[in-house]
Structure formats: C-alpha cells, structure tokens
Amino acid sequence: MTELNEGALNELVGRVLGDLGGAVSVPLVRIGDALDLYKTLKEIGPATSEKLADAAGCSPRYMREWLSAQVASGYVHYAEGRFSLTAEQAFVFAEPDSPVNLIGAFDTAAAMVENQPKVQSAFKTGRGVAWSEQAGCMFCAVARLFRPGYVNALVQDWLPAMDGVVDKLRAGANVADVGCGHGLSTILMAQAFPNSQFTGYDFHAGSIAAATAHARSHGLMNLHFEVGRAQNFGGRDFDLITCFDCLHDMGDPQAAATHIRKALKADGTWMVVEPMAGDKLEDNINPIGRLYYSASTMICVPTSLAQETGLALGAQAGEKRLAEVIRSGGFTHVRRAAATPLNMVLEAT
C-alpha cells in the first residue's frame, strides 16, 4: 500500500468537506430565494427566527433550521440571538441587479444535478443531450445566471468598447442578437437605444416564446424575436450582430461565423461574449475555470454534440481557439475589447 501523506490527505478532505457544504446548500439557497426569505430578512432584520417566520408566512421550526444552516455557511449573519444580512450578503443573495447576485448559479447547479442521468448515458454513447432535452428549466436558470453581468456591463462597458458601435446605435442601427435565449441581452440593448431595431434569434422555440412575452411586458416596439439557427437565420444587412455566451455551445460555430459575416454590412461588427478562459488547462486551474469546466461537461459539450458537426468547443475554449473559429468565417480582425472576471468580449470585423 502506498504510504499516505497525512498533511496532503487532510488538506484534500478539508477541501472536499467544504465542497460538500456548498453542494448541500443548493436546495436551501433556492428555498430562501423562492420564499423571499433573503429579501424579507434584508427588509426586517436583525430578527429572530420566529419574527422572520411570521413575516414570511413560514413554519418557525423550519425557519430556525434554515437560518442555522445559512449562518454556518456564512450566508447570513448572527449576533445576540438575531439574524440579519450584511451589506455584502445582501449584495449576493437579496439584490437582483447586483453584479454578483449568484442565485442563478444555484439554479443552474440544481439543473445540472437533475441532468446527470442523460449526460452520464452520453458518456458511453458519445452522443449529445439537446438543449431542448435538458432537465428542469435549464433555460430559465442560465438566463438568470447571466442576467447580472448583462445588466451591469453590456450597455455601460461592452458596447462602448466596440469601435464606433455606440454612435451607430444612437443614430439608428439594425442589430441581430443570435442565440438570444430568453432575450435579456436583446431587451437591455433595445431599451438603451430606442432609435435602433433589434431582432433576437434562437433555435429553441420555448426560449423565443419567453423572450417575446418578456419584451411585451416592457412595451418595447423596436425589437422582435424569431426562431432561427446561427448558421441560417433570415436577416441581412445588420450593423451589429451579437452572440452572448453561446458560440461555444453551437454544433457548427464555423458555419455560424460564415453566415454571420454574410449577414453583416461590409462595415458591420460581430460582438462575441464568451466565458473567460486561458488557452491551456494550466491557465484555467482556478475557481472560475472549475465552475466553467463543470458546467461545460454537463451543459455545453452535450448541447454541441447533439447538433450537426458537434465541434464541442466547450466553455473554456480560450481566446486563441475562439479567434480561429471567428476568422474561419471570413473575419480578418479579432480583438479582445473588454473583459470581466467571468467573461471576455471579442470584436470581429
């Protein structure tokens, strides 16, 4: 038997126990969100468990146990018999527009667990798991996961980083948001630039229906949504085409790049937002890489493999590989225009 390094073993066990604590917190955080417990605690805290239970219309015994778990996780503050949210805790759990609201990540983690049997089977067959066959409301979870980043960076930082794009949008541009999902990115742009016209395309009909309903609720008249694939959507003569966190999910992103180039005006711009990643595994051995590789295994690679070609770039493809795919469509200039800890923003012309 190989002699164990006790220090290394204890370090590994400690890391795994921490991971398990996070894993078993997923349903508790989702309960807190679904029942507005974080929101209510922010409004009335510091509060006893009984007071929070009364305000939220919940059982006091369940509330006491839930709060105890939240304190042990560091998600809720406890002092002198009362519970509250610090400003930082509220920023993560109770403020929907915060750039670090992470509730959507917990929803996505739950959907990934539910999706395990399908992906596990695909490991043996090599086949994919289609986006429409993903377990639970993966589409809702992913939309919620990406929303804080889009709300806080898309109009404020990412679009201004594109050469001359904001001037076109203010004057009145023709824009396509390809792979728009539930349309959050499309709606944010349409709200910010009322003189421009926006079309959101996605190959998932259910997401297009949700996006259309969302746009209608905002009363926006300068956008519409259509079912369409990245490699053959119907529009032409666009000043700007955007792809948010979806190029790596496509079965044939090279065909998509070719079609997007043809759909742009000669002086048009393709804006590609992708998960932050280095070009090598060694560059991605960090907390962000860990999250993205895991999500890629359960969501991104299976989705791509379920489509024709199935290039399966994965969520950690890296800028070099992404630029190769973009250039394969006929683009001659690709640059990183902006970045956040979670995303890179590429400009292609």
Foldseek 3Di string as FASTA:
>chain_A
DDDDDVVVVVVVVVVVVLVVLVVVCLVLLVVCVVLVLQQQQAVDPQDALVVSCVVSVHDSVVSVVSQVSCVVNVLWDDDPRGIHGDPVSCLQRPDQQRLNPANLVSVLSVQLVVLVVVLVVCVVVVFFQAPVRRPDPNLVSVCSRCLNVLSPDVVPPQQVLAPPRVVCLQQEFEEEEEQCFLPSNVLVSCVVRVRYAYEYEAQDVVRQVNNQVVNVVVVGDRYHYDYDHLLCDDAAAGQEYEYAAPLLLALQSLSSLQNVCRRYDPNHKYKYKAWDAAQDPVGQPDPLSVSQQSCQSRPRQSNNSNDPNSPNCGRHVHDVNVVVSNVSNPWDDKDFRDDDNTITMIMTD
